[in-house]
Amino acid sequence: MRDDERLTCKPDMVAEWENTVAHNQDAYGHLCIVAASKVGAALDEGKTPEESRDEMFGIGLSGYMAGCVAHMISCMHVRGEEFRLWWNETVQSGAETAGVLNPALMTIDCEGTES
C-alpha cells in the first residue's frame, strides 16, 4: 500500500479499507482514496473535522466524490463517528440519520407556486 493510500482504521475495518483501496485503482476511485487518506491524516494530527475536510479541496473532487470520501472516513476511520456527525450537520442542519448525507442534497421550496 502506498503512502497516499493509508488510513488509521477502526480495528474491524482494516480489511475493508484494504479491499476498498484494491478495488479503486482507476483514476476516479483512486482520487477518492487519496482524499480519504489526506482527511484521515489530518484527523490523526488532531485537526477538527472541518480542518480535516479542507484537505479534500484543490484536488479535483466532485460533490459526489466528496460524499464518498465522507462515507469512507465515517465508516472506517477511528474518529469516523465524530466526522460523520459534523459532516451531516454542515450538509443539512438538524438532520438526523445513521448514515452519511450526500452533499448534493437540495431543498426546493414550492411555497407560492400553483399546483
C-alpha atoms as a PDB file:
ATOM      1  CA  MET A   1       0.000   0.000   0.000  1.00  0.00           C
ATOM      2  CA  ARG A   2       1.361   3.404  -0.986  1.00  0.00           C
ATOM      3  CA  ASP A   3       1.675   6.310   1.454  1.00  0.00           C
ATOM      4  CA  ASP A   4      -1.224   8.142  -0.226  1.00  0.00           C
ATOM      5  CA  GLU A   5      -3.471   5.115   0.473  1.00  0.00           C
ATOM      6  CA  ARG A   6      -3.027   4.805   4.240  1.00  0.00           C
ATOM      7  CA  LEU A   7      -5.816   5.287   6.773  1.00  0.00           C
ATOM      8  CA  THR A   8      -5.927   4.806  10.541  1.00  0.00           C
ATOM      9  CA  CYS A   9      -8.865   2.414  10.643  1.00  0.00           C
ATOM     10  CA  LYS A  10     -11.087   1.040  13.351  1.00  0.00           C
ATOM     11  CA  PRO A  11      -9.690  -2.440  14.094  1.00  0.00           C
ATOM     12  CA  ASP A  12     -12.642  -4.212  12.466  1.00  0.00           C
ATOM     13  CA  MET A  13     -12.371  -2.089   9.294  1.00  0.00           C
ATOM     14  CA  VAL A  14      -8.734  -2.688   8.276  1.00  0.00           C
ATOM     15  CA  ALA A  15      -9.592  -5.449   5.788  1.00  0.00           C
ATOM     16  CA  GLU A  16     -12.486  -3.374   4.412  1.00  0.00           C
ATOM     17  CA  TRP A  17     -10.139  -0.423   3.803  1.00  0.00           C
ATOM     18  CA  GLU A  18      -7.594  -2.656   2.074  1.00  0.00           C
ATOM     19  CA  ASN A  19     -10.387  -4.072  -0.116  1.00  0.00           C
ATOM     20  CA  THR A  20     -11.632  -0.565  -0.918  1.00  0.00           C
ATOM     21  CA  VAL A  21      -8.147   0.539  -1.956  1.00  0.00           C
ATOM     22  CA  ALA A  22      -7.640  -2.582  -4.076  1.00  0.00           C
ATOM     23  CA  HIS A  23     -10.910  -2.044  -5.947  1.00  0.00           C
ATOM     24  CA  ASN A  24     -10.389   1.672  -6.569  1.00  0.00           C
ATOM     25  CA  GLN A  25      -7.195   1.929  -8.573  1.00  0.00           C
ATOM     26  CA  ASP A  26      -8.783   3.671 -11.571  1.00  0.00           C
ATOM     27  CA  ALA A  27      -8.215   7.444 -11.726  1.00  0.00           C
ATOM     28  CA  TYR A  28     -11.666   8.323 -10.338  1.00  0.00           C
ATOM     29  CA  GLY A  29     -11.704   5.867  -7.450  1.00  0.00           C
ATOM     30  CA  HIS A  30      -8.072   6.385  -6.549  1.00  0.00           C
ATOM     31  CA  LEU A  31      -8.626  10.128  -6.185  1.00  0.00           C
ATOM     32  CA  CYS A  32     -11.261   9.329  -3.537  1.00  0.00           C
ATOM     33  CA  ILE A  33      -8.771   7.030  -1.766  1.00  0.00           C
ATOM     34  CA  VAL A  34      -6.094   9.738  -1.798  1.00  0.00           C
ATOM     35  CA  ALA A  35      -8.572  12.311  -0.466  1.00  0.00           C
ATOM     36  CA  ALA A  36      -9.713   9.964   2.316  1.00  0.00           C
ATOM     37  CA  SER A  37      -6.092   9.327   3.234  1.00  0.00           C
ATOM     38  CA  LYS A  38      -5.448  13.092   3.475  1.00  0.00           C
ATOM     39  CA  VAL A  39      -8.562  13.679   5.586  1.00  0.00           C
ATOM     40  CA  GLY A  40      -7.647  10.754   7.823  1.00  0.00           C
ATOM     41  CA  ALA A  41      -4.083  12.003   8.282  1.00  0.00           C
ATOM     42  CA  ALA A  42      -5.407  15.422   9.317  1.00  0.00           C
ATOM     43  CA  LEU A  43      -7.738  13.779  11.858  1.00  0.00           C
ATOM     44  CA  ASP A  44      -4.765  11.754  13.139  1.00  0.00           C
ATOM     45  CA  GLU A  45      -2.880  15.032  13.669  1.00  0.00           C
ATOM     46  CA  GLY A  46      -5.703  16.210  15.937  1.00  0.00           C
ATOM     47  CA  LYS A  47      -7.325  18.593  13.479  1.00  0.00           C
ATOM     48  CA  THR A  48     -11.049  19.236  13.699  1.00  0.00           C
ATOM     49  CA  PRO A  49     -13.386  17.541  11.229  1.00  0.00           C
ATOM     50  CA  GLU A  50     -13.749  20.891   9.432  1.00  0.00           C
ATOM     51  CA  GLU A  51      -9.993  21.372   9.140  1.00  0.00           C
ATOM     52  CA  SER A  52      -9.658  17.760   8.028  1.00  0.00           C
ATOM     53  CA  ARG A  53     -12.385  18.128   5.393  1.00  0.00           C
ATOM     54  CA  ASP A  54     -10.451  21.051   3.941  1.00  0.00           C
ATOM     55  CA  GLU A  55      -7.760  18.541   2.877  1.00  0.00           C
ATOM     56  CA  MET A  56     -10.180  17.493   0.099  1.00  0.00           C
ATOM     57  CA  PHE A  57     -10.127  20.915  -1.540  1.00  0.00           C
ATOM     58  CA  GLY A  58      -7.982  21.589  -4.565  1.00  0.00           C
ATOM     59  CA  ILE A  59      -7.524  18.017  -5.769  1.00  0.00           C
ATOM     60  CA  GLY A  60     -10.459  17.928  -8.186  1.00  0.00           C
ATOM     61  CA  LEU A  61     -13.222  16.100  -6.329  1.00  0.00           C
ATOM     62  CA  SER A  62     -16.819  16.372  -7.445  1.00  0.00           C
ATOM     63  CA  GLY A  63     -19.573  16.734  -4.849  1.00  0.00           C
ATOM     64  CA  TYR A  64     -20.399  13.053  -5.226  1.00  0.00           C
ATOM     65  CA  MET A  65     -16.756  12.106  -4.676  1.00  0.00           C
ATOM     66  CA  ALA A  66     -16.623  14.267  -1.533  1.00  0.00           C
ATOM     67  CA  GLY A  67     -19.648  12.349  -0.259  1.00  0.00           C
ATOM     68  CA  CYS A  68     -17.854   9.065  -0.953  1.00  0.00           C
ATOM     69  CA  VAL A  69     -14.816  10.283   0.983  1.00  0.00           C
ATOM     70  CA  ALA A  70     -17.034  11.370   3.897  1.00  0.00           C
ATOM     71  CA  HIS A  71     -18.616   7.923   3.888  1.00  0.00           C
ATOM     72  CA  MET A  72     -15.239   6.144   3.902  1.00  0.00           C
ATOM     73  CA  ILE A  73     -13.971   8.293   6.763  1.00  0.00           C
ATOM     74  CA  SER A  74     -17.204   7.935   8.735  1.00  0.00           C
ATOM     75  CA  CYS A  75     -17.290   4.159   8.430  1.00  0.00           C
ATOM     76  CA  MET A  76     -13.622   3.267   8.681  1.00  0.00           C
ATOM     77  CA  HIS A  77     -11.548   5.925  10.473  1.00  0.00           C
ATOM     78  CA  VAL A  78     -11.111   5.773  14.241  1.00  0.00           C
ATOM     79  CA  ARG A  79     -12.638   9.274  14.514  1.00  0.00           C
ATOM     80  CA  GLY A  80     -15.279   8.458  11.922  1.00  0.00           C
ATOM     81  CA  GLU A  81     -18.360   8.988  14.072  1.00  0.00           C
ATOM     82  CA  GLU A  82     -17.149  12.445  15.119  1.00  0.00           C
ATOM     83  CA  PHE A  83     -16.532  13.299  11.467  1.00  0.00           C
ATOM     84  CA  ARG A  84     -19.938  11.911  10.393  1.00  0.00           C
ATOM     85  CA  LEU A  85     -21.860  13.973  12.953  1.00  0.00           C
ATOM     86  CA  TRP A  86     -20.032  17.164  11.924  1.00  0.00           C
ATOM     87  CA  TRP A  87     -20.405  16.378   8.196  1.00  0.00           C
ATOM     88  CA  ASN A  88     -24.149  15.744   8.397  1.00  0.00           C
ATOM     89  CA  GLU A  89     -24.723  18.936  10.380  1.00  0.00           C
ATOM     90  CA  THR A  90     -22.900  21.006   7.766  1.00  0.00           C
ATOM     91  CA  VAL A  91     -24.699  19.343   4.844  1.00  0.00           C
ATOM     92  CA  GLN A  92     -28.152  19.775   6.367  1.00  0.00           C
ATOM     93  CA  SER A  93     -28.534  21.457   9.748  1.00  0.00           C
ATOM     94  CA  GLY A  94     -30.690  19.478  12.128  1.00  0.00           C
ATOM     95  CA  ALA A  95     -30.714  16.335  10.002  1.00  0.00           C
ATOM     96  CA  GLU A  96     -30.641  13.123  11.997  1.00  0.00           C
ATOM     97  CA  THR A  97     -29.564   9.973  10.227  1.00  0.00           C
ATOM     98  CA  ALA A  98     -27.414   6.958  10.942  1.00  0.00           C
ATOM     99  CA  GLY A  99     -25.786   7.339   7.524  1.00  0.00           C
ATOM    100  CA  VAL A 100     -23.736   9.980   5.750  1.00  0.00           C
ATOM    101  CA  LEU A 101     -25.617  12.737   3.952  1.00  0.00           C
ATOM    102  CA  ASN A 102     -24.839  13.421   0.309  1.00  0.00           C
ATOM    103  CA  PRO A 103     -23.555  16.995  -0.184  1.00  0.00           C
ATOM    104  CA  ALA A 104     -25.732  17.273  -3.294  1.00  0.00           C
ATOM    105  CA  LEU A 105     -28.925  17.356  -1.198  1.00  0.00           C
ATOM    106  CA  MET A 106     -31.309  20.053  -2.290  1.00  0.00           C
ATOM    107  CA  THR A 107     -34.343  21.645  -0.712  1.00  0.00           C
ATOM    108  CA  ILE A 108     -36.881  23.009  -3.136  1.00  0.00           C
ATOM    109  CA  ASP A 109     -39.330  25.498  -1.702  1.00  0.00           C
ATOM    110  CA  CYS A 110     -42.586  25.341  -3.619  1.00  0.00           C
ATOM    111  CA  GLU A 111     -44.330  27.923  -1.480  1.00  0.00           C
ATOM    112  CA  GLY A 112     -46.328  30.339  -3.563  1.00  0.00           C
ATOM    113  CA  THR A 113     -46.420  28.163  -6.650  1.00  0.00           C
ATOM    114  CA  GLU A 114     -49.596  26.891  -8.183  1.00  0.00           C
ATOM    115  CA  SER A 115     -50.257  23.160  -8.136  1.00  0.00           C
END
